[in-house]
Amino acid sequence: MPLQQVATDALKLPFKEIRPQLKKFTGPTITKIKIPKKKYIIIAPHSTCQAKYWINSRWNEVITYLHKIGYGVISLAKEPNELDNVTWVENPPIRITLFNM
């Protein structure tokens, strides 16, 4: 269920999906994220809806598996977390987040 629909359902309004228009970033690249030299996966362990949350042990199982098959794991999130073996980037600007995806 899209986040837009959660809001319209709560307000009892008709739902119509509106896709955001993003401009491609073409400026200088400045990043505080140290990107691993190996393949990596970006996760965002927090959710805007309580029903979508996983407990940390489930995230750690996934992260352990990803490391076993050769991936690094980067957590791009506003909120801190207690996940193991993750490069955590605190509250990254959207420009840096999109660039590294």
PDB file of N, CA and C in Angstrom:
ATOM      1  N   MET A   1       0.847  -1.175   0.000  1.00  0.00           N
ATOM      2  CA  MET A   1       0.000   0.000   0.000  1.00  0.00           C
ATOM      3  C   MET A   1       0.893   1.239   0.000  1.00  0.00           C
ATOM      4  N   PRO A   2       0.752   2.125  -0.966  1.00  0.00           N
ATOM      5  CA  PRO A   2       1.564   3.342  -1.009  1.00  0.00           C
ATOM      6  C   PRO A   2       1.266   4.258   0.181  1.00  0.00           C
ATOM      7  N   LEU A   3       2.271   5.007   0.593  1.00  0.00           N
ATOM      8  CA  LEU A   3       2.108   5.932   1.709  1.00  0.00           C
ATOM      9  C   LEU A   3       1.013   6.957   1.422  1.00  0.00           C
ATOM     10  N   GLN A   4       0.907   7.384   0.162  1.00  0.00           N
ATOM     11  CA  GLN A   4      -0.148   8.335  -0.203  1.00  0.00           C
ATOM     12  C   GLN A   4      -1.526   7.755   0.117  1.00  0.00           C
ATOM     13  N   GLN A   5      -1.683   6.453  -0.137  1.00  0.00           N
ATOM     14  CA  GLN A   5      -2.980   5.822   0.098  1.00  0.00           C
ATOM     15  C   GLN A   5      -3.267   5.680   1.591  1.00  0.00           C
ATOM     16  N   VAL A   6      -2.243   5.473   2.401  1.00  0.00           N
ATOM     17  CA  VAL A   6      -2.436   5.411   3.853  1.00  0.00           C
ATOM     18  C   VAL A   6      -3.068   6.718   4.333  1.00  0.00           C
ATOM     19  N   ALA A   7      -2.530   7.835   3.833  1.00  0.00           N
ATOM     20  CA  ALA A   7      -3.051   9.147   4.240  1.00  0.00           C
ATOM     21  C   ALA A   7      -4.478   9.362   3.738  1.00  0.00           C
ATOM     22  N   THR A   8      -4.742   9.043   2.476  1.00  0.00           N
ATOM     23  CA  THR A   8      -6.093   9.281   1.950  1.00  0.00           C
ATOM     24  C   THR A   8      -7.115   8.360   2.610  1.00  0.00           C
ATOM     25  N   ASP A   9      -6.726   7.117   2.913  1.00  0.00           N
ATOM     26  CA  ASP A   9      -7.644   6.209   3.609  1.00  0.00           C
ATOM     27  C   ASP A   9      -7.977   6.741   5.003  1.00  0.00           C
ATOM     28  N   ALA A  10      -6.959   7.225   5.712  1.00  0.00           N
ATOM     29  CA  ALA A  10      -7.177   7.752   7.065  1.00  0.00           C
ATOM     30  C   ALA A  10      -8.094   8.972   7.045  1.00  0.00           C
ATOM     31  N   LEU A  11      -7.980   9.770   5.984  1.00  0.00           N
ATOM     32  CA  LEU A  11      -8.799  10.979   5.866  1.00  0.00           C
ATOM     33  C   LEU A  11     -10.108  10.741   5.112  1.00  0.00           C
ATOM     34  N   LYS A  12     -10.314   9.474   4.698  1.00  0.00           N
ATOM     35  CA  LYS A  12     -11.512   9.092   3.936  1.00  0.00           C
ATOM     36  C   LYS A  12     -11.670   9.935   2.664  1.00  0.00           C
ATOM     37  N   LEU A  13     -10.552  10.077   1.954  1.00  0.00           N
ATOM     38  CA  LEU A  13     -10.529  10.794   0.683  1.00  0.00           C
ATOM     39  C   LEU A  13     -10.269   9.797  -0.435  1.00  0.00           C
ATOM     40  N   PRO A  14     -10.663  10.110  -1.669  1.00  0.00           N
ATOM     41  CA  PRO A  14     -10.360   9.213  -2.780  1.00  0.00           C
ATOM     42  C   PRO A  14      -8.849   9.182  -3.038  1.00  0.00           C
ATOM     43  N   PHE A  15      -8.347   7.996  -3.358  1.00  0.00           N
ATOM     44  CA  PHE A  15      -6.912   7.838  -3.609  1.00  0.00           C
ATOM     45  C   PHE A  15      -6.628   7.972  -5.096  1.00  0.00           C
ATOM     46  N   LYS A  16      -5.624   8.781  -5.420  1.00  0.00           N
ATOM     47  CA  LYS A  16      -5.109   8.883  -6.782  1.00  0.00           C
ATOM     48  C   LYS A  16      -3.597   8.989  -6.656  1.00  0.00           C
ATOM     49  N   GLU A  17      -2.885   7.997  -7.213  1.00  0.00           N
ATOM     50  CA  GLU A  17      -1.424   8.007  -7.092  1.00  0.00           C
ATOM     51  C   GLU A  17      -0.833   9.159  -7.894  1.00  0.00           C
ATOM     52  N   ILE A  18       0.069   9.895  -7.264  1.00  0.00           N
ATOM     53  CA  ILE A  18       0.783  10.988  -7.919  1.00  0.00           C
ATOM     54  C   ILE A  18       2.261  10.640  -7.880  1.00  0.00           C
ATOM     55  N   ARG A  19       2.852  10.409  -9.033  1.00  0.00           N
ATOM     56  CA  ARG A  19       4.267  10.047  -9.092  1.00  0.00           C
ATOM     57  C   ARG A  19       5.116  11.314  -9.050  1.00  0.00           C
ATOM     58  N   PRO A  20       6.127  11.343  -8.176  1.00  0.00           N
ATOM     59  CA  PRO A  20       6.970  12.538  -8.077  1.00  0.00           C
ATOM     60  C   PRO A  20       7.853  12.703  -9.307  1.00  0.00           C
ATOM     61  N   GLN A  21       8.141  13.932  -9.641  1.00  0.00           N
ATOM     62  CA  GLN A  21       9.040  14.246 -10.742  1.00  0.00           C
ATOM     63  C   GLN A  21      10.388  14.647 -10.144  1.00  0.00           C
ATOM     64  N   LEU A  22      11.426  13.862 -10.393  1.00  0.00           N
ATOM     65  CA  LEU A  22      12.751  14.137  -9.852  1.00  0.00           C
ATOM     66  C   LEU A  22      13.677  14.606 -10.964  1.00  0.00           C
ATOM     67  N   LYS A  23      14.452  15.633 -10.681  1.00  0.00           N
ATOM     68  CA  LYS A  23      15.437  16.101 -11.645  1.00  0.00           C
ATOM     69  C   LYS A  23      16.701  15.266 -11.488  1.00  0.00           C
ATOM     70  N   LYS A  24      17.343  14.955 -12.601  1.00  0.00           N
ATOM     71  CA  LYS A  24      18.598  14.221 -12.542  1.00  0.00           C
ATOM     72  C   LYS A  24      19.690  15.158 -12.032  1.00  0.00           C
ATOM     73  N   PHE A  25      20.435  14.696 -11.033  1.00  0.00           N
ATOM     74  CA  PHE A  25      21.509  15.497 -10.458  1.00  0.00           C
ATOM     75  C   PHE A  25      22.721  15.435 -11.379  1.00  0.00           C
ATOM     76  N   THR A  26      23.202  16.600 -11.803  1.00  0.00           N
ATOM     77  CA  THR A  26      24.356  16.643 -12.697  1.00  0.00           C
ATOM     78  C   THR A  26      25.473  17.512 -12.145  1.00  0.00           C
ATOM     79  N   GLY A  27      25.332  17.981 -10.911  1.00  0.00           N
ATOM     80  CA  GLY A  27      26.335  18.860 -10.316  1.00  0.00           C
ATOM     81  C   GLY A  27      27.538  18.094  -9.804  1.00  0.00           C
ATOM     82  N   PRO A  28      28.428  18.778  -9.094  1.00  0.00           N
ATOM     83  CA  PRO A  28      29.610  18.111  -8.556  1.00  0.00           C
ATOM     84  C   PRO A  28      29.205  17.065  -7.528  1.00  0.00           C
ATOM     85  N   THR A  29      29.950  15.990  -7.498  1.00  0.00           N
ATOM     86  CA  THR A  29      29.647  14.900  -6.589  1.00  0.00           C
ATOM     87  C   THR A  29      30.431  15.064  -5.304  1.00  0.00           C
ATOM     88  N   ILE A  30      29.720  15.330  -4.240  1.00  0.00           N
ATOM     89  CA  ILE A  30      30.336  15.414  -2.927  1.00  0.00           C
ATOM     90  C   ILE A  30      29.593  14.417  -2.058  1.00  0.00           C
ATOM     91  N   THR A  31      30.306  13.473  -1.524  1.00  0.00           N
ATOM     92  CA  THR A  31      29.656  12.452  -0.720  1.00  0.00           C
ATOM     93  C   THR A  31      30.435  12.186   0.548  1.00  0.00           C
ATOM     94  N   LYS A  32      29.733  11.957   1.620  1.00  0.00           N
ATOM     95  CA  LYS A  32      30.362  11.584   2.876  1.00  0.00           C
ATOM     96  C   LYS A  32      30.307  10.074   3.060  1.00  0.00           C
ATOM     97  N   ILE A  33      29.767   9.387   2.090  1.00  0.00           N
ATOM     98  CA  ILE A  33      29.613   7.946   2.191  1.00  0.00           C
ATOM     99  C   ILE A  33      30.848   7.268   1.622  1.00  0.00           C
ATOM    100  N   LYS A  34      31.473   6.425   2.423  1.00  0.00           N
ATOM    101  CA  LYS A  34      32.603   5.653   1.926  1.00  0.00           C
ATOM    102  C   LYS A  34      32.033   4.385   1.292  1.00  0.00           C
ATOM    103  N   ILE A  35      31.998   4.380  -0.017  1.00  0.00           N
ATOM    104  CA  ILE A  35      31.403   3.270  -0.749  1.00  0.00           C
ATOM    105  C   ILE A  35      32.366   2.089  -0.754  1.00  0.00           C
ATOM    106  N   PRO A  36      31.876   0.896  -0.411  1.00  0.00           N
ATOM    107  CA  PRO A  36      32.749  -0.280  -0.464  1.00  0.00           C
ATOM    108  C   PRO A  36      33.207  -0.550  -1.891  1.00  0.00           C
ATOM    109  N   LYS A  37      34.408  -1.108  -2.027  1.00  0.00           N
ATOM    110  CA  LYS A  37      34.912  -1.435  -3.368  1.00  0.00           C
ATOM    111  C   LYS A  37      34.184  -2.639  -3.948  1.00  0.00           C
ATOM    112  N   LYS A  38      33.612  -3.479  -3.072  1.00  0.00           N
ATOM    113  CA  LYS A  38      32.861  -4.628  -3.570  1.00  0.00           C
ATOM    114  C   LYS A  38      31.407  -4.222  -3.827  1.00  0.00           C
ATOM    115  N   LYS A  39      30.642  -5.155  -4.351  1.00  0.00           N
ATOM    116  CA  LYS A  39      29.221  -4.896  -4.580  1.00  0.00           C
ATOM    117  C   LYS A  39      28.553  -4.587  -3.243  1.00  0.00           C
ATOM    118  N   TYR A  40      27.546  -3.738  -3.279  1.00  0.00           N
ATOM    119  CA  TYR A  40      26.867  -3.399  -2.032  1.00  0.00           C
ATOM    120  C   TYR A  40      25.367  -3.258  -2.252  1.00  0.00           C
ATOM    121  N   ILE A  41      24.657  -3.368  -1.152  1.00  0.00           N
ATOM    122  CA  ILE A  41      23.208  -3.215  -1.150  1.00  0.00           C
ATOM    123  C   ILE A  41      22.860  -2.141  -0.133  1.00  0.00           C
ATOM    124  N   ILE A  42      21.924  -1.273  -0.488  1.00  0.00           N
ATOM    125  CA  ILE A  42      21.474  -0.218   0.415  1.00  0.00           C
ATOM    126  C   ILE A  42      20.159  -0.661   1.053  1.00  0.00           C
ATOM    127  N   ILE A  43      20.090  -0.521   2.377  1.00  0.00           N
ATOM    128  CA  ILE A  43      18.851  -0.839   3.078  1.00  0.00           C
ATOM    129  C   ILE A  43      18.352   0.401   3.814  1.00  0.00           C
ATOM    130  N   ALA A  44      17.083   0.412   4.107  1.00  0.00           N
ATOM    131  CA  ALA A  44      16.470   1.451   4.945  1.00  0.00           C
ATOM    132  C   ALA A  44      15.599   0.708   5.956  1.00  0.00           C
ATOM    133  N   PRO A  45      16.145   0.419   7.138  1.00  0.00           N
ATOM    134  CA  PRO A  45      15.447  -0.474   8.071  1.00  0.00           C
ATOM    135  C   PRO A  45      14.251   0.131   8.792  1.00  0.00           C
ATOM    136  N   HIS A  46      13.976   1.392   8.593  1.00  0.00           N
ATOM    137  CA  HIS A  46      12.831   2.003   9.265  1.00  0.00           C
ATOM    138  C   HIS A  46      11.682   2.174   8.283  1.00  0.00           C
ATOM    139  N   SER A  47      10.492   2.313   8.816  1.00  0.00           N
ATOM    140  CA  SER A  47       9.300   2.440   7.989  1.00  0.00           C
ATOM    141  C   SER A  47       8.415   3.557   8.521  1.00  0.00           C
ATOM    142  N   THR A  48       7.564   4.049   7.661  1.00  0.00           N
ATOM    143  CA  THR A  48       6.607   5.070   8.083  1.00  0.00           C
ATOM    144  C   THR A  48       5.358   4.443   8.679  1.00  0.00           C
ATOM    145  N   CYS A  49       5.251   3.140   8.584  1.00  0.00           N
ATOM    146  CA  CYS A  49       4.067   2.435   9.068  1.00  0.00           C
ATOM    147  C   CYS A  49       4.506   1.289   9.980  1.00  0.00           C
ATOM    148  N   GLN A  50       4.006   1.232  11.186  1.00  0.00           N
ATOM    149  CA  GLN A  50       4.431   0.230  12.165  1.00  0.00           C
ATOM    150  C   GLN A  50       4.275  -1.193  11.628  1.00  0.00           C
ATOM    151  N   ALA A  51       3.263  -1.435  10.818  1.00  0.00           N
ATOM    152  CA  ALA A  51       3.020  -2.778  10.300  1.00  0.00           C
ATOM    153  C   ALA A  51       4.133  -3.259   9.369  1.00  0.00           C
ATOM    154  N   LYS A  52       4.929  -2.338   8.827  1.00  0.00           N
ATOM    155  CA  LYS A  52       5.999  -2.712   7.897  1.00  0.00           C
ATOM    156  C   LYS A  52       7.337  -2.941   8.586  1.00  0.00           C
ATOM    157  N   TYR A  53       7.415  -2.707   9.906  1.00  0.00           N
ATOM    158  CA  TYR A  53       8.687  -2.871  10.623  1.00  0.00           C
ATOM    159  C   TYR A  53       9.076  -4.334  10.742  1.00  0.00           C
ATOM    160  N   TRP A  54      10.381  -4.591  10.622  1.00  0.00           N
ATOM    161  CA  TRP A  54      10.968  -5.883  10.965  1.00  0.00           C
ATOM    162  C   TRP A  54      11.673  -5.697  12.293  1.00  0.00           C
ATOM    163  N   ILE A  55      11.817  -6.771  13.045  1.00  0.00           N
ATOM    164  CA  ILE A  55      12.634  -6.691  14.246  1.00  0.00           C
ATOM    165  C   ILE A  55      14.102  -6.793  13.838  1.00  0.00           C
ATOM    166  N   ASN A  56      14.995  -6.235  14.657  1.00  0.00           N
ATOM    167  CA  ASN A  56      16.417  -6.179  14.307  1.00  0.00           C
ATOM    168  C   ASN A  56      17.018  -7.542  14.006  1.00  0.00           C
ATOM    169  N   SER A  57      16.563  -8.593  14.697  1.00  0.00           N
ATOM    170  CA  SER A  57      17.149  -9.916  14.445  1.00  0.00           C
ATOM    171  C   SER A  57      16.908 -10.361  13.005  1.00  0.00           C
ATOM    172  N   ARG A  58      15.773 -10.012  12.432  1.00  0.00           N
ATOM    173  CA  ARG A  58      15.495 -10.367  11.026  1.00  0.00           C
ATOM    174  C   ARG A  58      16.421  -9.597  10.082  1.00  0.00           C
ATOM    175  N   TRP A  59      16.601  -8.298  10.366  1.00  0.00           N
ATOM    176  CA  TRP A  59      17.530  -7.521   9.550  1.00  0.00           C
ATOM    177  C   TRP A  59      18.929  -8.115   9.642  1.00  0.00           C
ATOM    178  N   ASN A  60      19.365  -8.489  10.852  1.00  0.00           N
ATOM    179  CA  ASN A  60      20.706  -9.046  11.015  1.00  0.00           C
ATOM    180  C   ASN A  60      20.864 -10.364  10.274  1.00  0.00           C
ATOM    181  N   GLU A  61      19.808 -11.173  10.195  1.00  0.00           N
ATOM    182  CA  GLU A  61      19.863 -12.416   9.411  1.00  0.00           C
ATOM    183  C   GLU A  61      20.101 -12.094   7.932  1.00  0.00           C
ATOM    184  N   VAL A  62      19.376 -11.122   7.416  1.00  0.00           N
ATOM    185  CA  VAL A  62      19.529 -10.729   6.010  1.00  0.00           C
ATOM    186  C   VAL A  62      20.931 -10.174   5.770  1.00  0.00           C
ATOM    187  N   ILE A  63      21.409  -9.319   6.675  1.00  0.00           N
ATOM    188  CA  ILE A  63      22.735  -8.708   6.530  1.00  0.00           C
ATOM    189  C   ILE A  63      23.827  -9.770   6.564  1.00  0.00           C
ATOM    190  N   THR A  64      23.718 -10.733   7.481  1.00  0.00           N
ATOM    191  CA  THR A  64      24.697 -11.826   7.559  1.00  0.00           C
ATOM    192  C   THR A  64      24.715 -12.606   6.252  1.00  0.00           C
ATOM    193  N   TYR A  65      23.539 -12.913   5.708  1.00  0.00           N
ATOM    194  CA  TYR A  65      23.455 -13.629   4.443  1.00  0.00           C
ATOM    195  C   TYR A  65      24.096 -12.825   3.313  1.00  0.00           C
ATOM    196  N   LEU A  66      23.808 -11.536   3.247  1.00  0.00           N
ATOM    197  CA  LEU A  66      24.379 -10.703   2.183  1.00  0.00           C
ATOM    198  C   LEU A  66      25.902 -10.664   2.261  1.00  0.00           C
ATOM    199  N   HIS A  67      26.452 -10.589   3.469  1.00  0.00           N
ATOM    200  CA  HIS A  67      27.909 -10.624   3.626  1.00  0.00           C
ATOM    201  C   HIS A  67      28.470 -11.968   3.165  1.00  0.00           C
ATOM    202  N   LYS A  68      27.765 -13.069   3.474  1.00  0.00           N
ATOM    203  CA  LYS A  68      28.228 -14.407   3.077  1.00  0.00           C
ATOM    204  C   LYS A  68      28.318 -14.548   1.561  1.00  0.00           C
ATOM    205  N   ILE A  69      27.415 -13.887   0.842  1.00  0.00           N
ATOM    206  CA  ILE A  69      27.442 -14.011  -0.621  1.00  0.00           C
ATOM    207  C   ILE A  69      28.220 -12.871  -1.283  1.00  0.00           C
ATOM    208  N   GLY A  70      28.946 -12.091  -0.462  1.00  0.00           N
ATOM    209  CA  GLY A  70      29.893 -11.135  -1.020  1.00  0.00           C
ATOM    210  C   GLY A  70      29.450  -9.694  -1.156  1.00  0.00           C
ATOM    211  N   TYR A  71      28.375  -9.310  -0.518  1.00  0.00           N
ATOM    212  CA  TYR A  71      27.901  -7.932  -0.602  1.00  0.00           C
ATOM    213  C   TYR A  71      28.235  -7.147   0.662  1.00  0.00           C
ATOM    214  N   GLY A  72      28.517  -5.855   0.493  1.00  0.00           N
ATOM    215  CA  GLY A  72      28.564  -4.937   1.619  1.00  0.00           C
ATOM    216  C   GLY A  72      27.155  -4.401   1.833  1.00  0.00           C
ATOM    217  N   VAL A  73      26.885  -3.866   3.016  1.00  0.00           N
ATOM    218  CA  VAL A  73      25.549  -3.352   3.308  1.00  0.00           C
ATOM    219  C   VAL A  73      25.672  -1.937   3.866  1.00  0.00           C
ATOM    220  N   ILE A  74      24.927  -1.009   3.252  1.00  0.00           N
ATOM    221  CA  ILE A  74      24.894   0.382   3.695  1.00  0.00           C
ATOM    222  C   ILE A  74      23.474   0.691   4.157  1.00  0.00           C
ATOM    223  N   SER A  75      23.356   1.289   5.329  1.00  0.00           N
ATOM    224  CA  SER A  75      22.055   1.711   5.840  1.00  0.00           C
ATOM    225  C   SER A  75      21.939   3.217   5.671  1.00  0.00           C
ATOM    226  N   LEU A  76      21.025   3.630   4.814  1.00  0.00           N
ATOM    227  CA  LEU A  76      20.751   5.058   4.624  1.00  0.00           C
ATOM    228  C   LEU A  76      19.450   5.355   5.348  1.00  0.00           C
ATOM    229  N   ALA A  77      19.561   5.974   6.505  1.00  0.00           N
ATOM    230  CA  ALA A  77      18.365   6.224   7.300  1.00  0.00           C
ATOM    231  C   ALA A  77      18.537   7.465   8.154  1.00  0.00           C
ATOM    232  N   LYS A  78      17.442   8.127   8.391  1.00  0.00           N
ATOM    233  CA  LYS A  78      17.466   9.287   9.275  1.00  0.00           C
ATOM    234  C   LYS A  78      17.670   8.840  10.717  1.00  0.00           C
ATOM    235  N   GLU A  79      17.050   7.723  11.073  1.00  0.00           N
ATOM    236  CA  GLU A  79      17.097   7.226  12.435  1.00  0.00           C
ATOM    237  C   GLU A  79      18.284   6.287  12.629  1.00  0.00           C
ATOM    238  N   PRO A  80      18.926   6.324  13.802  1.00  0.00           N
ATOM    239  CA  PRO A  80      20.009   5.372  14.073  1.00  0.00           C
ATOM    240  C   PRO A  80      19.446   3.964  14.246  1.00  0.00           C
ATOM    241  N   ASN A  81      20.323   2.981  14.088  1.00  0.00           N
ATOM    242  CA  ASN A  81      19.889   1.602  14.310  1.00  0.00           C
ATOM    243  C   ASN A  81      21.001   0.827  14.996  1.00  0.00           C
ATOM    244  N   GLU A  82      20.682  -0.357  15.447  1.00  0.00           N
ATOM    245  CA  GLU A  82      21.650  -1.198  16.142  1.00  0.00           C
ATOM    246  C   GLU A  82      21.951  -2.449  15.331  1.00  0.00           C
ATOM    247  N   LEU A  83      22.018  -2.320  14.027  1.00  0.00           N
ATOM    248  CA  LEU A  83      22.292  -3.464  13.173  1.00  0.00           C
ATOM    249  C   LEU A  83      23.784  -3.751  13.143  1.00  0.00           C
ATOM    250  N   ASP A  84      24.135  -5.031  12.971  1.00  0.00           N
ATOM    251  CA  ASP A  84      25.531  -5.454  12.947  1.00  0.00           C
ATOM    252  C   ASP A  84      26.085  -5.429  11.523  1.00  0.00           C
ATOM    253  N   ASN A  85      27.373  -5.121  11.395  1.00  0.00           N
ATOM    254  CA  ASN A  85      28.100  -5.193  10.118  1.00  0.00           C
ATOM    255  C   ASN A  85      27.473  -4.353   9.010  1.00  0.00           C
ATOM    256  N   VAL A  86      27.053  -3.149   9.361  1.00  0.00           N
ATOM    257  CA  VAL A  86      26.429  -2.235   8.403  1.00  0.00           C
ATOM    258  C   VAL A  86      27.174  -0.912   8.440  1.00  0.00           C
ATOM    259  N   THR A  87      27.420  -0.341   7.257  1.00  0.00           N
ATOM    260  CA  THR A  87      27.922   1.027   7.196  1.00  0.00           C
ATOM    261  C   THR A  87      26.702   1.922   7.302  1.00  0.00           C
ATOM    262  N   TRP A  88      26.599   2.657   8.397  1.00  0.00           N
ATOM    263  CA  TRP A  88      25.429   3.501   8.619  1.00  0.00           C
ATOM    264  C   TRP A  88      25.765   4.936   8.280  1.00  0.00           C
ATOM    265  N   VAL A  89      24.942   5.550   7.463  1.00  0.00           N
ATOM    266  CA  VAL A  89      25.108   6.948   7.102  1.00  0.00           C
ATOM    267  C   VAL A  89      23.976   7.715   7.768  1.00  0.00           C
ATOM    268  N   GLU A  90      24.336   8.613   8.687  1.00  0.00           N
ATOM    269  CA  GLU A  90      23.338   9.320   9.483  1.00  0.00           C
ATOM    270  C   GLU A  90      22.653  10.421   8.688  1.00  0.00           C
ATOM    271  N   ASN A  91      21.350  10.301   8.561  1.00  0.00           N
ATOM    272  CA  ASN A  91      20.505  11.337   7.971  1.00  0.00           C
ATOM    273  C   ASN A  91      21.097  11.949   6.693  1.00  0.00           C
ATOM    274  N   PRO A  92      21.339  11.123   5.665  1.00  0.00           N
ATOM    275  CA  PRO A  92      21.961  11.657   4.450  1.00  0.00           C
ATOM    276  C   PRO A  92      21.011  12.564   3.669  1.00  0.00           C
ATOM    277  N   PRO A  93      21.544  13.611   3.039  1.00  0.00           N
ATOM    278  CA  PRO A  93      20.704  14.443   2.170  1.00  0.00           C
ATOM    279  C   PRO A  93      20.172  13.608   1.004  1.00  0.00           C
ATOM    280  N   ILE A  94      19.003  13.934   0.511  1.00  0.00           N
ATOM    281  CA  ILE A  94      18.381  13.163  -0.564  1.00  0.00           C
ATOM    282  C   ILE A  94      19.277  13.092  -1.796  1.00  0.00           C
ATOM    283  N   ARG A  95      20.023  14.141  -2.093  1.00  0.00           N
ATOM    284  CA  ARG A  95      20.906  14.153  -3.263  1.00  0.00           C
ATOM    285  C   ARG A  95      21.968  13.054  -3.148  1.00  0.00           C
ATOM    286  N   ILE A  96      22.566  12.913  -1.972  1.00  0.00           N
ATOM    287  CA  ILE A  96      23.588  11.880  -1.770  1.00  0.00           C
ATOM    288  C   ILE A  96      22.945  10.496  -1.790  1.00  0.00           C
ATOM    289  N   THR A  97      21.783  10.370  -1.192  1.00  0.00           N
ATOM    290  CA  THR A  97      21.080   9.086  -1.192  1.00  0.00           C
ATOM    291  C   THR A  97      20.801   8.634  -2.620  1.00  0.00           C
ATOM    292  N   LEU A  98      20.238   9.507  -3.435  1.00  0.00           N
ATOM    293  CA  LEU A  98      19.916   9.146  -4.816  1.00  0.00           C
ATOM    294  C   LEU A  98      21.167   8.859  -5.630  1.00  0.00           C
ATOM    295  N   PHE A  99      22.231   9.627  -5.423  1.00  0.00           N
ATOM    296  CA  PHE A  99      23.463   9.413  -6.172  1.00  0.00           C
ATOM    297  C   PHE A  99      24.033   8.024  -5.909  1.00  0.00           C
ATOM    298  N   ASN A 100      23.974   7.578  -4.665  1.00  0.00           N
ATOM    299  CA  ASN A 100      24.577   6.302  -4.302  1.00  0.00           C
ATOM    300  C   ASN A 100      23.688   5.102  -4.567  1.00  0.00           C
ATOM    301  N   MET A 101      22.458   5.341  -4.970  1.00  0.00           N
ATOM    302  CA  MET A 101      21.579   4.232  -5.306  1.00  0.00           C
ATOM    303  C   MET A 101      21.860   3.844  -6.726  1.00  0.00           C
TER     304      MET A 101
END
